[in-house]
Every structure is written in C-alpha cells, then in structure tokens.
C-alpha atoms as a PDB file:
ATOM      1  CA  MET A   1     -28.405   0.636  -8.728  1.00  0.00           C
ATOM      2  CA  ASN A   2     -30.359   3.917  -8.792  1.00  0.00           C
ATOM      3  CA  ILE A   3     -27.765   5.352 -11.158  1.00  0.00           C
ATOM      4  CA  LEU A   4     -28.386   2.539 -13.622  1.00  0.00           C
ATOM      5  CA  ASN A   5     -32.149   3.126 -13.354  1.00  0.00           C
ATOM      6  CA  ASN A   6     -31.587   6.791 -14.271  1.00  0.00           C
ATOM      7  CA  ILE A   7     -29.280   5.952 -17.165  1.00  0.00           C
ATOM      8  CA  PHE A   8     -31.452   3.218 -18.651  1.00  0.00           C
ATOM      9  CA  ASN A   9     -34.883   4.618 -17.698  1.00  0.00           C
ATOM     10  CA  GLY A  10     -35.893   1.490 -15.828  1.00  0.00           C
ATOM     11  CA  LYS A  11     -34.972  -2.151 -15.784  1.00  0.00           C
ATOM     12  CA  ASN A  12     -34.512  -3.350 -19.327  1.00  0.00           C
ATOM     13  CA  GLU A  13     -32.033  -5.573 -21.164  1.00  0.00           C
ATOM     14  CA  ASN A  14     -29.298  -2.897 -21.183  1.00  0.00           C
ATOM     15  CA  PHE A  15     -29.848  -2.263 -17.460  1.00  0.00           C
ATOM     16  CA  TYR A  16     -29.231  -5.949 -16.681  1.00  0.00           C
ATOM     17  CA  LYS A  17     -26.173  -6.116 -18.958  1.00  0.00           C
ATOM     18  CA  ALA A  18     -24.675  -3.057 -17.260  1.00  0.00           C
ATOM     19  CA  LYS A  19     -25.470  -4.454 -13.806  1.00  0.00           C
ATOM     20  CA  THR A  20     -23.763  -7.753 -14.690  1.00  0.00           C
ATOM     21  CA  LYS A  21     -20.670  -5.988 -16.063  1.00  0.00           C
ATOM     22  CA  LEU A  22     -20.392  -3.817 -12.941  1.00  0.00           C
ATOM     23  CA  SER A  23     -20.736  -6.865 -10.699  1.00  0.00           C
ATOM     24  CA  ASN A  24     -18.032  -8.698 -12.671  1.00  0.00           C
ATOM     25  CA  ALA A  25     -15.711  -5.673 -12.487  1.00  0.00           C
ATOM     26  CA  LYS A  26     -16.231  -5.469  -8.727  1.00  0.00           C
ATOM     27  CA  LYS A  27     -15.355  -9.170  -8.346  1.00  0.00           C
ATOM     28  CA  ARG A  28     -12.160  -8.722 -10.411  1.00  0.00           C
ATOM     29  CA  PHE A  29     -10.975  -5.694  -8.449  1.00  0.00           C
ATOM     30  CA  ASN A  30      -8.615  -7.128  -5.884  1.00  0.00           C
ATOM     31  CA  GLY A  31      -6.770  -4.090  -4.629  1.00  0.00           C
ATOM     32  CA  PHE A  32      -7.315  -1.137  -2.395  1.00  0.00           C
ATOM     33  CA  VAL A  33      -7.042   2.639  -2.430  1.00  0.00           C
ATOM     34  CA  ILE A  34      -4.829   4.723  -0.165  1.00  0.00           C
ATOM     35  CA  ASP A  35      -5.104   8.462   0.045  1.00  0.00           C
ATOM     36  CA  PHE A  36      -2.422  10.843   1.269  1.00  0.00           C
ATOM     37  CA  PRO A  37      -4.562  13.697   2.660  1.00  0.00           C
ATOM     38  CA  ASP A  38      -1.657  15.339   4.467  1.00  0.00           C
ATOM     39  CA  VAL A  39       0.538  15.367   1.346  1.00  0.00           C
ATOM     40  CA  THR A  40      -1.889  15.716  -1.541  1.00  0.00           C
ATOM     41  CA  SER A  41      -5.532  15.124  -2.346  1.00  0.00           C
ATOM     42  CA  ASP A  42      -4.465  12.326  -4.703  1.00  0.00           C
ATOM     43  CA  GLU A  43      -5.677   8.799  -4.150  1.00  0.00           C
ATOM     44  CA  ILE A  44      -3.721   5.849  -5.443  1.00  0.00           C
ATOM     45  CA  MET A  45      -5.321   2.549  -6.365  1.00  0.00           C
ATOM     46  CA  PHE A  46      -3.167  -0.461  -5.579  1.00  0.00           C
ATOM     47  CA  ILE A  47      -3.992  -3.667  -7.423  1.00  0.00           C
ATOM     48  CA  LYS A  48      -3.045  -7.015  -5.958  1.00  0.00           C
ATOM     49  CA  ASP A  49       0.211  -8.486  -7.295  1.00  0.00           C
ATOM     50  CA  HIS A  50       0.879  -5.443  -9.500  1.00  0.00           C
ATOM     51  CA  TRP A  51       3.606  -2.822  -8.942  1.00  0.00           C
ATOM     52  CA  GLU A  52       2.295   0.749  -8.870  1.00  0.00           C
ATOM     53  CA  LYS A  53       4.777   3.618  -9.061  1.00  0.00           C
ATOM     54  CA  LEU A  54       4.133   6.454  -6.625  1.00  0.00           C
ATOM     55  CA  PRO A  55       3.668   9.832  -8.322  1.00  0.00           C
ATOM     56  CA  ASN A  56       6.652  12.178  -8.009  1.00  0.00           C
ATOM     57  CA  ASN A  57       4.752  14.484  -5.641  1.00  0.00           C
ATOM     58  CA  LEU A  58       4.579  11.597  -3.128  1.00  0.00           C
ATOM     59  CA  GLY A  59       8.052  10.186  -3.563  1.00  0.00           C
ATOM     60  CA  THR A  60      10.819   9.396  -5.969  1.00  0.00           C
ATOM     61  CA  GLY A  61      11.812   5.919  -7.133  1.00  0.00           C
ATOM     62  CA  VAL A  62       9.202   4.073  -5.042  1.00  0.00           C
ATOM     63  CA  LYS A  63       6.813   1.319  -6.162  1.00  0.00           C
ATOM     64  CA  ILE A  64       4.140  -0.390  -4.069  1.00  0.00           C
ATOM     65  CA  MET A  65       2.429  -3.749  -4.590  1.00  0.00           C
ATOM     66  CA  ALA A  66      -0.714  -4.906  -2.770  1.00  0.00           C
ATOM     67  CA  LEU A  67      -0.279  -8.452  -1.477  1.00  0.00           C
ATOM     68  CA  ASN A  68      -3.438  -9.096   0.494  1.00  0.00           C
ATOM     69  CA  PHE A  69      -6.089  -7.138   2.320  1.00  0.00           C
ATOM     70  CA  ASN A  70      -9.155  -7.600   4.437  1.00  0.00           C
ATOM     71  CA  SER A  71     -11.136  -5.566   6.942  1.00  0.00           C
ATOM     72  CA  GLU A  72      -8.304  -5.753   9.497  1.00  0.00           C
ATOM     73  CA  VAL A  73      -5.125  -5.277   7.489  1.00  0.00           C
ATOM     74  CA  LYS A  74      -3.637  -4.289   4.134  1.00  0.00           C
ATOM     75  CA  LEU A  75      -0.392  -6.142   3.381  1.00  0.00           C
ATOM     76  CA  LEU A  76       1.969  -4.631   0.848  1.00  0.00           C
ATOM     77  CA  LEU A  77       5.497  -4.563  -0.498  1.00  0.00           C
ATOM     78  CA  THR A  78       7.319  -1.292  -1.011  1.00  0.00           C
ATOM     79  CA  SER A  79      10.322  -1.219  -3.322  1.00  0.00           C
ATOM     80  CA  TYR A  80      12.726   1.712  -3.053  1.00  0.00           C
ATOM     81  CA  ALA A  81      15.254   2.328  -5.821  1.00  0.00           C
ATOM     82  CA  PRO A  82      18.720   3.402  -4.595  1.00  0.00           C
ATOM     83  CA  ASN A  83      18.564   6.742  -2.729  1.00  0.00           C
ATOM     84  CA  SER A  84      14.794   7.055  -3.195  1.00  0.00           C
ATOM     85  CA  TYR A  85      12.177   8.262  -0.740  1.00  0.00           C
ATOM     86  CA  ILE A  86       8.537   8.652   0.209  1.00  0.00           C
ATOM     87  CA  SER A  87       7.701  12.258   1.126  1.00  0.00           C
ATOM     88  CA  PRO A  88       6.935  13.010   4.778  1.00  0.00           C
ATOM     89  CA  HIS A  89       3.459  11.687   5.496  1.00  0.00           C
ATOM     90  CA  LYS A  90       1.247  10.107   8.131  1.00  0.00           C
ATOM     91  CA  HIS A  91      -1.632   7.693   8.190  1.00  0.00           C
ATOM     92  CA  LEU A  92      -4.640   9.259   9.851  1.00  0.00           C
ATOM     93  CA  GLU A  93      -6.122   6.105  11.370  1.00  0.00           C
ATOM     94  CA  GLU A  94      -3.736   3.290  10.526  1.00  0.00           C
ATOM     95  CA  TYR A  95      -0.659   1.843  12.171  1.00  0.00           C
ATOM     96  CA  GLU A  96       2.169   0.958   9.806  1.00  0.00           C
ATOM     97  CA  VAL A  97       3.951  -2.214  10.912  1.00  0.00           C
ATOM     98  CA  SER A  98       6.905  -3.115   8.682  1.00  0.00           C
ATOM     99  CA  GLU A  99       9.926  -5.356   8.225  1.00  0.00           C
ATOM    100  CA  ILE A 100      12.982  -4.685   6.065  1.00  0.00           C
ATOM    101  CA  LEU A 101      13.515  -7.595   3.650  1.00  0.00           C
ATOM    102  CA  LYS A 102      16.392  -6.179   1.617  1.00  0.00           C
ATOM    103  CA  GLY A 103      18.601  -3.073   1.848  1.00  0.00           C
ATOM    104  CA  SER A 104      18.065  -0.358   4.437  1.00  0.00           C
ATOM    105  CA  LEU A 105      15.996   2.752   5.190  1.00  0.00           C
ATOM    106  CA  THR A 106      16.424   5.875   7.266  1.00  0.00           C
ATOM    107  CA  ASN A 107      13.610   7.892   8.805  1.00  0.00           C
ATOM    108  CA  LYS A 108      14.940  11.341   7.861  1.00  0.00           C
ATOM    109  CA  LEU A 109      12.838  13.000  10.599  1.00  0.00           C
ATOM    110  CA  THR A 110      14.224  10.964  13.511  1.00  0.00           C
ATOM    111  CA  GLY A 111      17.498   9.592  12.156  1.00  0.00           C
ATOM    112  CA  ASP A 112      16.354   6.022  12.931  1.00  0.00           C
ATOM    113  CA  LYS A 113      17.994   3.491  10.628  1.00  0.00           C
ATOM    114  CA  TYR A 114      16.468   0.148   9.678  1.00  0.00           C
ATOM    115  CA  LYS A 115      18.385  -2.739   8.083  1.00  0.00           C
ATOM    116  CA  VAL A 116      17.477  -6.259   6.906  1.00  0.00           C
ATOM    117  CA  GLY A 117      15.433  -8.043   9.558  1.00  0.00           C
ATOM    118  CA  ASP A 118      14.544  -4.866  11.471  1.00  0.00           C
ATOM    119  CA  LYS A 119      10.906  -4.174  12.224  1.00  0.00           C
ATOM    120  CA  TYR A 120       9.332  -0.795  12.914  1.00  0.00           C
ATOM    121  CA  LYS A 121       5.892   0.542  13.761  1.00  0.00           C
ATOM    122  CA  PHE A 122       4.442   4.006  13.170  1.00  0.00           C
ATOM    123  CA  GLU A 123       1.387   5.124  15.135  1.00  0.00           C
ATOM    124  CA  PRO A 124      -1.584   6.841  13.446  1.00  0.00           C
ATOM    125  CA  ASN A 125      -0.725  10.504  12.788  1.00  0.00           C
ATOM    126  CA  GLU A 126       3.007   9.858  13.320  1.00  0.00           C
ATOM    127  CA  VAL A 127       4.816  11.679  10.530  1.00  0.00           C
ATOM    128  CA  HIS A 128       7.571   9.669   8.880  1.00  0.00           C
ATOM    129  CA  TYR A 129       9.925  10.371   5.973  1.00  0.00           C
ATOM    130  CA  LEU A 130      11.647   7.251   4.687  1.00  0.00           C
ATOM    131  CA  GLN A 131      14.680   7.231   2.401  1.00  0.00           C
ATOM    132  CA  SER A 132      16.549   4.214   1.083  1.00  0.00           C
ATOM    133  CA  SER A 133      20.287   3.647   1.107  1.00  0.00           C
ATOM    134  CA  LYS A 134      22.485   3.545  -1.975  1.00  0.00           C
ATOM    135  CA  ASP A 135      21.488  -0.126  -2.361  1.00  0.00           C
ATOM    136  CA  GLY A 136      17.729   0.498  -2.370  1.00  0.00           C
ATOM    137  CA  CYS A 137      15.309  -1.331  -0.105  1.00  0.00           C
ATOM    138  CA  LEU A 138      12.398  -3.763  -0.033  1.00  0.00           C
ATOM    139  CA  VAL A 139       9.871  -3.523   2.816  1.00  0.00           C
ATOM    140  CA  HIS A 140       6.964  -5.764   3.800  1.00  0.00           C
ATOM    141  CA  SER A 141       4.283  -3.667   5.538  1.00  0.00           C
ATOM    142  CA  ALA A 142       0.902  -3.959   7.154  1.00  0.00           C
ATOM    143  CA  LEU A 143      -1.485  -1.013   7.435  1.00  0.00           C
ATOM    144  CA  THR A 144      -4.089  -1.600  10.125  1.00  0.00           C
ATOM    145  CA  THR A 145      -6.375   0.195  12.571  1.00  0.00           C
ATOM    146  CA  ASN A 146      -5.804  -2.598  15.117  1.00  0.00           C
ATOM    147  CA  LYS A 147      -3.292  -1.184  17.617  1.00  0.00           C
ATOM    148  CA  THR A 148      -2.417  -4.654  18.934  1.00  0.00           C
ATOM    149  CA  TYR A 149      -1.632  -6.025  15.454  1.00  0.00           C
ATOM    150  CA  ASN A 150       1.807  -7.586  15.218  1.00  0.00           C
ATOM    151  CA  SER A 151       3.163  -8.354  11.800  1.00  0.00           C
ATOM    152  CA  HIS A 152       3.008 -12.042  11.190  1.00  0.00           C
ATOM    153  CA  HIS A 153       6.306 -13.845  11.027  1.00  0.00           C
ATOM    154  CA  LEU A 154       7.388 -14.425   7.459  1.00  0.00           C
ATOM    155  CA  SER A 155       9.000 -17.772   6.747  1.00  0.00           C
ATOM    156  CA  LYS A 156      12.352 -17.872   4.956  1.00  0.00           C
ATOM    157  CA  LYS A 157      10.508 -19.287   1.934  1.00  0.00           C
ATOM    158  CA  ASP A 158       7.991 -16.388   1.933  1.00  0.00           C
ATOM    159  CA  LYS A 159      10.778 -13.813   2.335  1.00  0.00           C
ATOM    160  CA  LYS A 160      12.708 -15.355  -0.553  1.00  0.00           C
ATOM    161  CA  MET A 161       9.579 -15.323  -2.727  1.00  0.00           C
ATOM    162  CA  LEU A 162       8.816 -11.656  -1.841  1.00  0.00           C
ATOM    163  CA  ILE A 163      12.399 -10.569  -2.488  1.00  0.00           C
ATOM    164  CA  SER A 164      12.224 -12.091  -5.962  1.00  0.00           C
ATOM    165  CA  ALA A 165       8.811 -10.487  -6.713  1.00  0.00           C
END
C-alpha cells in the first residue's frame, strides 16, 4: 500500500476508501492472465465465465473462456470458428492437456489430427499451431506446471453443459 501512501500523503479517509475499493476489485477479479512471449509481448486477461476473443496477431476466429484456476491448474474452453487458428506458439513452463469436445483440430506443424473425444498433451516449450476444421471446434484445456497432471474426466453432463456454453 506504499503507492496509496504516496498518492494520499498518509493514511486518511481517502486512503482507506481507495484501499477498500482495491480490495473489493481484487476479490471480484476471478480470471487469469496469459502472455504469449514467443508470439508477441501482449498479455491477455481471461475472466471466468466470459468469452475473450484472441487478437488477430495471435489467431483468427478463436475465443477463450476461463472456467476455473488455482495454483496448480488453469482450466479453460477454447472455441474455434470454422477454419480458424491460433498462431504457432509454446508455453514456457506449462503443459497443455486438452480434450476435443466438438469438431476437430489439426496441429499444422506435425499433421496430427484430433477429433471429438481425443486428448492431447503439449510439453513446455513444445511449439504447436492448431487449426480447426470447416465445422469449427470446442476444446477443454488445462494449463499446468505439474508434469504428472492428467485432465480430469468430464462427465457427459459436464461435457453437454460446456458444449452449450
């Protein structure tokens, strides 16, 4: 709170109001930030249960929604419009563990194809370039630094709910 001390020249009524508002804002923030250092210096803030469109320099026709996150894992949904893509990228420290819920994807660097029900895992620093089919795609993913993390099994009910999100 040193910044607030400098702004308000000590602890006064405005200092305490500002401190309370900052604390409330911090409690309401329920998302996370991902940066793409190998693609751009941009950082993107993902807010829980809210679709965020990726900027065109990172991909075309792709939206991401934060579902849940904690110190071990960030769970998210990625929605690809038909024939859309995320630019080639890697995660410096995180594994990406994913399952296709709807449609299909191709890793344009390896030629690997993933369809509904398929799961895939990218290691930290493994470059991947994902493009959807003509039908688009919906992917449930986990980003984690835990190399033994296995994506939890989604029930049919959860999959149905995520597909309709």
